Amino acid sequence: MATNVLVTSPIDDTGFQPVIPRRPVEDEAEMDITPMIDITFLLLIFFLVASRPDATTAIDLPNARYGKGVSQRESVIFSVDEGVARGSKDHSPIYLGDGRHADSELVGTTKQQADRIESEVRKSLYGDPPRSHVIIKAAKGVPYREVARVAAAASRVDGIHLHFAVMESE
């Protein structure tokens, strides 16, 4: 018959068994990405500094070849002219209607002009007959910010179709 033998470690004077130290767990290898981040930022800075837009590569916009015409009878028209508006030093004159007519100029500050544009578009949208198309005609030398200002004021009214006038090609 076999007997079971219990093997224990020796007990010290205090009555406790000695603690067996564990083997230290080795940290998993981690990759330090700090140098890669440094290189990325250096390349980013290099390309930002080295690649600047060249003004001589600007192109002239062509005449319109495609598109659908919009009836002027079904539209509200705003004309933006070159130059400076009456009583202003910073914005172009805007006229309600087609062309430069002194009695149809929207005078005042840019805020007053924007409010007037919005009210004219709102009146035409809910008028009789309703006109939901807005056409912006701008002279060739008018800065884009002036056209964008008129477009932003007109687009405050929901339900309109905004159009920009271009030269028809021959």
N, C-alpha and C. Protein backbone atom coordinates (compact mmCIF):
# COMPACT_ATOMS: atom_id res chain seq x y z
N MET A 1 0.79 -1.16 0.00
CA MET A 1 0.00 0.00 0.00
C MET A 1 0.86 1.25 0.00
N ALA A 2 0.49 2.21 -0.74
CA ALA A 2 1.28 3.42 -0.86
C ALA A 2 0.76 4.46 0.10
N THR A 3 1.65 5.18 0.68
CA THR A 3 1.27 6.25 1.59
C THR A 3 1.59 7.59 0.96
N ASN A 4 0.80 8.54 1.25
CA ASN A 4 1.02 9.88 0.71
C ASN A 4 1.95 10.62 1.65
N VAL A 5 2.92 11.28 1.07
CA VAL A 5 3.88 12.03 1.85
C VAL A 5 3.67 13.51 1.51
N LEU A 6 3.56 14.32 2.54
CA LEU A 6 3.39 15.76 2.37
C LEU A 6 4.73 16.41 2.55
N VAL A 7 5.15 17.14 1.53
CA VAL A 7 6.44 17.81 1.58
C VAL A 7 6.18 19.29 1.80
N THR A 8 6.75 19.84 2.81
CA THR A 8 6.59 21.26 3.11
C THR A 8 7.95 21.88 3.26
N SER A 9 7.98 23.17 3.18
CA SER A 9 9.24 23.87 3.38
C SER A 9 9.46 24.05 4.87
N PRO A 10 10.71 24.23 5.21
CA PRO A 10 11.01 24.34 6.64
C PRO A 10 10.37 25.57 7.27
N ILE A 11 9.95 25.47 8.47
CA ILE A 11 9.31 26.56 9.20
C ILE A 11 10.36 27.22 10.06
N ASP A 12 10.39 28.55 10.05
CA ASP A 12 11.37 29.26 10.87
C ASP A 12 10.87 29.37 12.31
N ASP A 13 11.59 30.10 13.13
CA ASP A 13 11.30 30.20 14.56
C ASP A 13 9.95 30.84 14.82
N THR A 14 9.46 31.70 13.93
CA THR A 14 8.20 32.39 14.17
C THR A 14 7.00 31.54 13.81
N GLY A 15 7.20 30.44 13.17
CA GLY A 15 6.11 29.57 12.81
C GLY A 15 5.58 29.82 11.41
N PHE A 16 6.21 30.69 10.66
CA PHE A 16 5.77 30.99 9.30
C PHE A 16 6.73 30.38 8.30
N GLN A 17 6.16 30.04 7.19
CA GLN A 17 7.00 29.55 6.11
C GLN A 17 7.63 30.75 5.40
N PRO A 18 8.85 30.61 4.91
CA PRO A 18 9.47 31.72 4.19
C PRO A 18 8.74 31.98 2.87
N VAL A 19 8.70 33.25 2.49
CA VAL A 19 8.05 33.66 1.25
C VAL A 19 9.01 33.42 0.10
N ILE A 20 8.50 32.77 -0.90
CA ILE A 20 9.34 32.51 -2.07
C ILE A 20 9.18 33.72 -2.99
N PRO A 21 10.27 34.40 -3.28
CA PRO A 21 10.16 35.58 -4.13
C PRO A 21 9.76 35.20 -5.56
N ARG A 22 8.89 36.02 -6.12
CA ARG A 22 8.47 35.79 -7.50
C ARG A 22 9.52 36.29 -8.45
N ARG A 23 9.50 35.72 -9.62
CA ARG A 23 10.39 36.22 -10.66
C ARG A 23 9.83 37.54 -11.17
N PRO A 24 10.63 38.55 -11.36
CA PRO A 24 10.10 39.83 -11.85
C PRO A 24 9.53 39.65 -13.27
N VAL A 25 8.35 40.28 -13.45
CA VAL A 25 7.71 40.24 -14.75
C VAL A 25 8.38 41.29 -15.64
N GLU A 26 8.81 40.84 -16.78
CA GLU A 26 9.49 41.76 -17.69
C GLU A 26 8.45 42.58 -18.45
N ASP A 27 8.71 43.89 -18.58
CA ASP A 27 7.81 44.75 -19.34
C ASP A 27 7.83 44.35 -20.81
N GLU A 28 6.63 44.50 -21.42
CA GLU A 28 6.59 44.23 -22.85
C GLU A 28 7.32 45.35 -23.58
N ALA A 29 7.95 45.02 -24.66
CA ALA A 29 8.70 46.01 -25.41
C ALA A 29 7.74 47.02 -26.03
N GLU A 30 7.95 48.30 -25.78
CA GLU A 30 7.14 49.36 -26.37
C GLU A 30 8.01 50.19 -27.29
N MET A 31 7.38 50.65 -28.37
CA MET A 31 8.13 51.44 -29.33
C MET A 31 7.94 52.93 -29.00
N ASP A 32 9.01 53.67 -28.93
CA ASP A 32 8.93 55.10 -28.66
C ASP A 32 8.69 55.82 -29.98
N ILE A 33 7.52 56.48 -30.10
CA ILE A 33 7.18 57.13 -31.36
C ILE A 33 7.52 58.62 -31.37
N THR A 34 8.16 59.09 -30.33
CA THR A 34 8.51 60.51 -30.27
C THR A 34 9.35 60.96 -31.47
N PRO A 35 10.38 60.21 -31.88
CA PRO A 35 11.15 60.66 -33.05
C PRO A 35 10.31 60.71 -34.33
N MET A 36 9.36 59.79 -34.48
CA MET A 36 8.51 59.83 -35.68
C MET A 36 7.61 61.05 -35.67
N ILE A 37 7.10 61.44 -34.51
CA ILE A 37 6.28 62.64 -34.41
C ILE A 37 7.12 63.87 -34.73
N ASP A 38 8.36 63.90 -34.24
CA ASP A 38 9.25 65.03 -34.55
C ASP A 38 9.48 65.15 -36.05
N ILE A 39 9.75 64.04 -36.70
CA ILE A 39 10.00 64.06 -38.15
C ILE A 39 8.74 64.53 -38.89
N THR A 40 7.57 64.05 -38.44
CA THR A 40 6.32 64.46 -39.08
C THR A 40 6.12 65.96 -39.00
N PHE A 41 6.34 66.53 -37.83
CA PHE A 41 6.18 67.98 -37.69
C PHE A 41 7.22 68.75 -38.50
N LEU A 42 8.44 68.25 -38.56
CA LEU A 42 9.46 68.92 -39.38
C LEU A 42 9.07 68.90 -40.86
N LEU A 43 8.57 67.77 -41.34
CA LEU A 43 8.13 67.71 -42.73
C LEU A 43 6.94 68.63 -42.99
N LEU A 44 6.00 68.67 -42.05
CA LEU A 44 4.85 69.55 -42.19
C LEU A 44 5.28 71.01 -42.28
N ILE A 45 6.17 71.42 -41.40
CA ILE A 45 6.66 72.80 -41.42
C ILE A 45 7.40 73.08 -42.72
N PHE A 46 8.21 72.12 -43.18
CA PHE A 46 8.96 72.31 -44.43
C PHE A 46 8.00 72.55 -45.59
N PHE A 47 6.95 71.72 -45.71
CA PHE A 47 6.04 71.86 -46.85
C PHE A 47 5.19 73.11 -46.74
N LEU A 48 4.85 73.54 -45.54
CA LEU A 48 4.11 74.79 -45.39
C LEU A 48 4.94 76.00 -45.82
N VAL A 49 6.21 75.97 -45.47
CA VAL A 49 7.08 77.10 -45.80
C VAL A 49 7.50 77.06 -47.26
N ALA A 50 7.79 75.89 -47.79
CA ALA A 50 8.32 75.76 -49.14
C ALA A 50 7.26 75.90 -50.23
N SER A 51 6.02 75.56 -49.94
CA SER A 51 5.01 75.60 -51.00
C SER A 51 4.03 76.74 -50.75
N ARG A 52 4.28 77.84 -51.36
CA ARG A 52 3.37 78.98 -51.24
C ARG A 52 2.70 79.19 -52.59
N PRO A 53 1.47 79.64 -52.59
CA PRO A 53 0.78 79.82 -53.86
C PRO A 53 1.43 80.91 -54.71
N ASP A 54 1.44 80.69 -55.97
CA ASP A 54 2.06 81.63 -56.89
C ASP A 54 0.96 82.42 -57.60
N ALA A 55 1.00 83.72 -57.48
CA ALA A 55 -0.04 84.57 -58.07
C ALA A 55 0.00 84.56 -59.60
N THR A 56 1.15 84.22 -60.18
CA THR A 56 1.25 84.23 -61.63
C THR A 56 0.57 83.04 -62.28
N THR A 57 0.16 82.05 -61.49
CA THR A 57 -0.50 80.89 -62.07
C THR A 57 -2.01 81.04 -62.10
N ALA A 58 -2.53 82.19 -61.73
CA ALA A 58 -3.98 82.40 -61.75
C ALA A 58 -4.49 82.34 -63.18
N ILE A 59 -5.68 81.82 -63.34
CA ILE A 59 -6.25 81.69 -64.68
C ILE A 59 -7.47 82.59 -64.82
N ASP A 60 -7.75 82.97 -66.05
CA ASP A 60 -8.95 83.76 -66.34
C ASP A 60 -10.13 82.80 -66.48
N LEU A 61 -11.23 83.15 -65.90
CA LEU A 61 -12.41 82.30 -66.01
C LEU A 61 -12.98 82.38 -67.41
N PRO A 62 -13.41 81.24 -67.94
CA PRO A 62 -13.99 81.25 -69.30
C PRO A 62 -15.42 81.74 -69.29
N ASN A 63 -15.90 82.01 -70.48
CA ASN A 63 -17.31 82.34 -70.64
C ASN A 63 -18.15 81.10 -70.37
N ALA A 64 -19.40 81.31 -70.05
CA ALA A 64 -20.29 80.19 -69.77
C ALA A 64 -20.58 79.41 -71.05
N ARG A 65 -20.49 78.09 -70.96
CA ARG A 65 -20.83 77.24 -72.08
C ARG A 65 -22.10 76.45 -71.81
N TYR A 66 -22.31 76.16 -70.56
CA TYR A 66 -23.44 75.33 -70.17
C TYR A 66 -24.27 76.09 -69.14
N GLY A 67 -25.43 75.62 -68.93
CA GLY A 67 -26.28 76.23 -67.93
C GLY A 67 -27.63 76.54 -68.52
N LYS A 68 -28.54 76.79 -67.63
CA LYS A 68 -29.89 77.08 -68.06
C LYS A 68 -30.19 78.53 -67.72
N GLY A 69 -30.74 79.22 -68.67
CA GLY A 69 -31.09 80.61 -68.43
C GLY A 69 -32.27 80.74 -67.49
N VAL A 70 -32.32 81.84 -66.79
CA VAL A 70 -33.40 82.13 -65.86
C VAL A 70 -34.11 83.38 -66.37
N SER A 71 -35.41 83.33 -66.37
CA SER A 71 -36.20 84.46 -66.84
C SER A 71 -36.07 85.63 -65.86
N GLN A 72 -35.83 86.81 -66.40
CA GLN A 72 -35.71 87.98 -65.54
C GLN A 72 -37.06 88.37 -64.96
N ARG A 73 -38.13 87.99 -65.61
CA ARG A 73 -39.47 88.32 -65.08
C ARG A 73 -39.79 87.51 -63.83
N GLU A 74 -39.16 86.34 -63.69
CA GLU A 74 -39.40 85.49 -62.54
C GLU A 74 -38.32 85.65 -61.47
N SER A 75 -37.54 86.71 -61.57
CA SER A 75 -36.38 86.87 -60.70
C SER A 75 -36.30 88.25 -60.09
N VAL A 76 -35.61 88.30 -58.97
CA VAL A 76 -35.20 89.58 -58.37
C VAL A 76 -33.75 89.76 -58.79
N ILE A 77 -33.41 90.93 -59.26
CA ILE A 77 -32.06 91.16 -59.78
C ILE A 77 -31.36 92.20 -58.92
N PHE A 78 -30.12 91.88 -58.55
CA PHE A 78 -29.25 92.84 -57.86
C PHE A 78 -28.02 93.04 -58.73
N SER A 79 -27.65 94.29 -58.97
CA SER A 79 -26.47 94.63 -59.76
C SER A 79 -25.43 95.23 -58.84
N VAL A 80 -24.20 94.71 -58.93
CA VAL A 80 -23.08 95.21 -58.12
C VAL A 80 -22.11 95.86 -59.08
N ASP A 81 -21.78 97.13 -58.81
CA ASP A 81 -20.93 97.89 -59.71
C ASP A 81 -19.55 98.06 -59.11
N GLU A 82 -18.59 98.37 -59.97
CA GLU A 82 -17.26 98.70 -59.49
C GLU A 82 -17.28 100.07 -58.84
N GLY A 83 -16.26 100.37 -58.08
CA GLY A 83 -16.18 101.68 -57.47
C GLY A 83 -16.65 101.66 -56.04
N VAL A 84 -16.98 102.82 -55.57
CA VAL A 84 -17.37 102.98 -54.17
C VAL A 84 -18.79 103.55 -54.12
N ALA A 85 -19.57 103.01 -53.21
CA ALA A 85 -20.96 103.46 -53.07
C ALA A 85 -21.00 104.87 -52.53
N ARG A 86 -22.11 105.55 -52.78
CA ARG A 86 -22.30 106.91 -52.27
C ARG A 86 -22.22 106.91 -50.75
N GLY A 87 -21.46 107.82 -50.20
CA GLY A 87 -21.35 107.95 -48.75
C GLY A 87 -20.59 106.82 -48.10
N SER A 88 -19.80 106.05 -48.84
CA SER A 88 -19.06 104.93 -48.27
C SER A 88 -17.66 104.91 -48.84
N LYS A 89 -16.75 104.37 -48.07
CA LYS A 89 -15.38 104.24 -48.55
C LYS A 89 -14.97 102.78 -48.68
N ASP A 90 -15.84 101.85 -48.24
CA ASP A 90 -15.38 100.47 -48.15
C ASP A 90 -16.20 99.45 -48.92
N HIS A 91 -17.28 99.79 -49.56
CA HIS A 91 -18.04 98.78 -50.28
C HIS A 91 -18.56 99.31 -51.62
N SER A 92 -18.82 98.36 -52.50
CA SER A 92 -19.28 98.68 -53.85
C SER A 92 -20.76 99.04 -53.85
N PRO A 93 -21.19 99.86 -54.81
CA PRO A 93 -22.62 100.20 -54.89
C PRO A 93 -23.43 99.00 -55.38
N ILE A 94 -24.60 98.83 -54.78
CA ILE A 94 -25.52 97.75 -55.15
C ILE A 94 -26.82 98.39 -55.60
N TYR A 95 -27.34 97.90 -56.72
CA TYR A 95 -28.57 98.44 -57.28
C TYR A 95 -29.63 97.34 -57.32
N LEU A 96 -30.84 97.70 -57.02
CA LEU A 96 -31.96 96.78 -57.15
C LEU A 96 -32.43 96.88 -58.59
N GLY A 97 -32.34 95.80 -59.32
CA GLY A 97 -32.72 95.81 -60.72
C GLY A 97 -31.51 95.65 -61.61
N ASP A 98 -31.77 95.70 -62.90
CA ASP A 98 -30.73 95.49 -63.89
C ASP A 98 -30.13 96.82 -64.30
N GLY A 99 -28.87 97.05 -63.95
CA GLY A 99 -28.20 98.28 -64.36
C GLY A 99 -28.02 99.27 -63.23
N ARG A 100 -27.39 100.39 -63.61
CA ARG A 100 -27.10 101.45 -62.64
C ARG A 100 -28.13 102.56 -62.75
N HIS A 101 -29.06 102.55 -61.86
CA HIS A 101 -30.06 103.62 -61.80
C HIS A 101 -29.93 104.26 -60.43
N ALA A 102 -29.72 105.56 -60.42
CA ALA A 102 -29.48 106.26 -59.15
C ALA A 102 -30.62 106.08 -58.16
N ASP A 103 -31.85 106.00 -58.66
CA ASP A 103 -32.98 105.88 -57.74
C ASP A 103 -33.14 104.46 -57.17
N SER A 104 -32.41 103.46 -57.72
CA SER A 104 -32.54 102.09 -57.21
C SER A 104 -31.31 101.64 -56.42
N GLU A 105 -30.39 102.58 -56.13
CA GLU A 105 -29.19 102.21 -55.38
C GLU A 105 -29.55 101.94 -53.92
N LEU A 106 -28.99 100.87 -53.38
CA LEU A 106 -29.18 100.55 -51.97
C LEU A 106 -28.07 101.26 -51.20
N VAL A 107 -28.43 102.35 -50.55
CA VAL A 107 -27.44 103.15 -49.84
C VAL A 107 -27.41 102.77 -48.36
N GLY A 108 -26.33 103.16 -47.72
CA GLY A 108 -26.20 102.91 -46.28
C GLY A 108 -25.01 102.03 -46.00
N THR A 109 -24.93 101.60 -44.76
CA THR A 109 -23.84 100.72 -44.34
C THR A 109 -24.06 99.33 -44.91
N THR A 110 -23.05 98.48 -44.76
CA THR A 110 -23.18 97.12 -45.27
C THR A 110 -24.31 96.38 -44.56
N LYS A 111 -24.51 96.64 -43.29
CA LYS A 111 -25.61 96.01 -42.53
C LYS A 111 -26.96 96.48 -43.07
N GLN A 112 -27.09 97.78 -43.31
CA GLN A 112 -28.34 98.31 -43.85
C GLN A 112 -28.62 97.75 -45.25
N GLN A 113 -27.56 97.64 -46.05
CA GLN A 113 -27.73 97.06 -47.38
C GLN A 113 -28.18 95.60 -47.29
N ALA A 114 -27.57 94.85 -46.39
CA ALA A 114 -27.93 93.44 -46.23
C ALA A 114 -29.39 93.29 -45.79
N ASP A 115 -29.81 94.14 -44.87
CA ASP A 115 -31.21 94.10 -44.42
C ASP A 115 -32.17 94.45 -45.57
N ARG A 116 -31.79 95.42 -46.37
CA ARG A 116 -32.64 95.82 -47.50
C ARG A 116 -32.71 94.72 -48.56
N ILE A 117 -31.56 94.07 -48.81
CA ILE A 117 -31.55 92.95 -49.78
C ILE A 117 -32.45 91.83 -49.28
N GLU A 118 -32.33 91.50 -48.00
CA GLU A 118 -33.18 90.44 -47.44
C GLU A 118 -34.66 90.80 -47.55
N SER A 119 -35.01 92.04 -47.24
CA SER A 119 -36.43 92.42 -47.30
C SER A 119 -36.96 92.39 -48.73
N GLU A 120 -36.13 92.81 -49.71
CA GLU A 120 -36.57 92.78 -51.12
C GLU A 120 -36.78 91.34 -51.60
N VAL A 121 -35.87 90.45 -51.18
CA VAL A 121 -36.01 89.04 -51.57
C VAL A 121 -37.25 88.44 -50.92
N ARG A 122 -37.47 88.75 -49.66
CA ARG A 122 -38.64 88.24 -48.94
C ARG A 122 -39.94 88.75 -49.58
N LYS A 123 -39.96 90.06 -49.96
CA LYS A 123 -41.15 90.62 -50.60
C LYS A 123 -41.44 89.93 -51.93
N SER A 124 -40.38 89.67 -52.70
CA SER A 124 -40.59 89.03 -54.01
C SER A 124 -40.99 87.57 -53.87
N LEU A 125 -40.51 86.90 -52.84
CA LEU A 125 -40.84 85.49 -52.66
C LEU A 125 -42.30 85.32 -52.27
N TYR A 126 -42.82 86.24 -51.48
CA TYR A 126 -44.21 86.15 -51.03
C TYR A 126 -45.13 87.13 -51.76
N GLY A 127 -44.62 87.72 -52.82
CA GLY A 127 -45.42 88.69 -53.57
C GLY A 127 -46.36 88.01 -54.55
N ASP A 128 -46.99 88.84 -55.38
CA ASP A 128 -47.90 88.32 -56.37
C ASP A 128 -47.45 88.80 -57.73
N PRO A 129 -46.93 88.03 -58.60
CA PRO A 129 -46.66 86.60 -58.51
C PRO A 129 -45.39 86.35 -57.70
N PRO A 130 -45.27 85.19 -57.07
CA PRO A 130 -44.07 84.90 -56.29
C PRO A 130 -42.85 84.67 -57.20
N ARG A 131 -41.74 85.28 -56.83
CA ARG A 131 -40.50 85.12 -57.59
C ARG A 131 -39.46 84.51 -56.66
N SER A 132 -39.06 83.28 -56.93
CA SER A 132 -38.13 82.58 -56.05
C SER A 132 -36.69 82.59 -56.55
N HIS A 133 -36.46 83.19 -57.72
CA HIS A 133 -35.10 83.25 -58.26
C HIS A 133 -34.47 84.60 -57.94
N VAL A 134 -33.18 84.56 -57.54
CA VAL A 134 -32.41 85.78 -57.28
C VAL A 134 -31.20 85.74 -58.20
N ILE A 135 -31.04 86.78 -59.00
CA ILE A 135 -29.90 86.88 -59.91
C ILE A 135 -28.99 87.99 -59.41
N ILE A 136 -27.71 87.68 -59.30
CA ILE A 136 -26.71 88.68 -58.92
C ILE A 136 -25.84 88.94 -60.14
N LYS A 137 -25.87 90.20 -60.60
CA LYS A 137 -25.02 90.62 -61.72
C LYS A 137 -23.92 91.49 -61.14
N ALA A 138 -22.68 91.18 -61.48
CA ALA A 138 -21.57 91.96 -60.98
C ALA A 138 -20.67 92.36 -62.15
N ALA A 139 -20.17 93.59 -62.07
CA ALA A 139 -19.23 94.06 -63.09
C ALA A 139 -17.95 93.23 -63.00
N LYS A 140 -17.19 93.25 -64.05
CA LYS A 140 -16.00 92.40 -64.15
C LYS A 140 -14.98 92.66 -63.05
N GLY A 141 -14.82 93.89 -62.64
CA GLY A 141 -13.78 94.22 -61.66
C GLY A 141 -14.25 94.22 -60.21
N VAL A 142 -15.45 93.75 -59.93
CA VAL A 142 -15.96 93.76 -58.56
C VAL A 142 -15.28 92.64 -57.77
N PRO A 143 -14.77 92.95 -56.58
CA PRO A 143 -14.15 91.91 -55.76
C PRO A 143 -15.17 90.85 -55.35
N TYR A 144 -14.71 89.63 -55.21
CA TYR A 144 -15.60 88.53 -54.86
C TYR A 144 -16.29 88.77 -53.51
N ARG A 145 -15.62 89.40 -52.58
CA ARG A 145 -16.22 89.62 -51.26
C ARG A 145 -17.52 90.42 -51.35
N GLU A 146 -17.60 91.31 -52.34
CA GLU A 146 -18.82 92.10 -52.52
C GLU A 146 -19.96 91.23 -53.04
N VAL A 147 -19.65 90.36 -53.98
CA VAL A 147 -20.66 89.44 -54.51
C VAL A 147 -21.10 88.48 -53.41
N ALA A 148 -20.14 87.98 -52.64
CA ALA A 148 -20.46 87.06 -51.54
C ALA A 148 -21.32 87.74 -50.49
N ARG A 149 -21.10 89.01 -50.26
CA ARG A 149 -21.89 89.77 -49.28
C ARG A 149 -23.35 89.84 -49.73
N VAL A 150 -23.58 90.09 -51.01
CA VAL A 150 -24.94 90.15 -51.54
C VAL A 150 -25.58 88.75 -51.49
N ALA A 151 -24.81 87.73 -51.86
CA ALA A 151 -25.33 86.36 -51.84
C ALA A 151 -25.69 85.94 -50.43
N ALA A 152 -24.86 86.30 -49.46
CA ALA A 152 -25.15 85.93 -48.06
C ALA A 152 -26.42 86.61 -47.57
N ALA A 153 -26.60 87.86 -47.93
CA ALA A 153 -27.82 88.58 -47.50
C ALA A 153 -29.06 87.99 -48.15
N ALA A 154 -28.97 87.65 -49.43
CA ALA A 154 -30.13 87.08 -50.12
C ALA A 154 -30.44 85.68 -49.62
N SER A 155 -29.43 84.92 -49.25
CA SER A 155 -29.66 83.54 -48.82
C SER A 155 -30.18 83.43 -47.39
N ARG A 156 -30.37 84.55 -46.73
CA ARG A 156 -31.02 84.51 -45.41
C ARG A 156 -32.47 84.07 -45.51
N VAL A 157 -33.05 84.22 -46.70
CA VAL A 157 -34.45 83.85 -46.93
C VAL A 157 -34.47 82.42 -47.46
N ASP A 158 -35.22 81.56 -46.80
CA ASP A 158 -35.34 80.16 -47.23
C ASP A 158 -36.23 80.05 -48.46
N GLY A 159 -35.90 79.10 -49.32
CA GLY A 159 -36.75 78.81 -50.46
C GLY A 159 -36.41 79.56 -51.73
N ILE A 160 -35.24 80.18 -51.78
CA ILE A 160 -34.87 80.90 -53.01
C ILE A 160 -33.87 80.09 -53.81
N HIS A 161 -33.74 80.44 -55.07
CA HIS A 161 -32.74 79.85 -55.96
C HIS A 161 -31.79 80.98 -56.34
N LEU A 162 -30.53 80.86 -55.97
CA LEU A 162 -29.55 81.91 -56.18
C LEU A 162 -28.79 81.65 -57.48
N HIS A 163 -28.70 82.67 -58.33
CA HIS A 163 -28.01 82.55 -59.62
C HIS A 163 -27.02 83.70 -59.76
N PHE A 164 -25.90 83.42 -60.44
CA PHE A 164 -24.92 84.46 -60.72
C PHE A 164 -24.87 84.64 -62.23
N ALA A 165 -24.96 85.88 -62.66
CA ALA A 165 -24.97 86.18 -64.09
C ALA A 165 -23.57 86.05 -64.66
N VAL A 166 -23.47 85.48 -65.85
CA VAL A 166 -22.21 85.36 -66.57
C VAL A 166 -22.42 85.79 -68.00
N MET A 167 -21.34 86.00 -68.71
CA MET A 167 -21.42 86.36 -70.12
C MET A 167 -21.74 85.11 -70.94
N GLU A 168 -22.69 85.22 -71.84
CA GLU A 168 -22.97 84.10 -72.72
C GLU A 168 -21.86 84.01 -73.76
N SER A 169 -21.46 82.79 -74.07
CA SER A 169 -20.42 82.64 -75.08
C SER A 169 -21.07 82.73 -76.45
N GLU A 170 -20.29 83.16 -77.38
CA GLU A 170 -20.83 83.39 -78.73
C GLU A 170 -20.80 82.13 -79.55
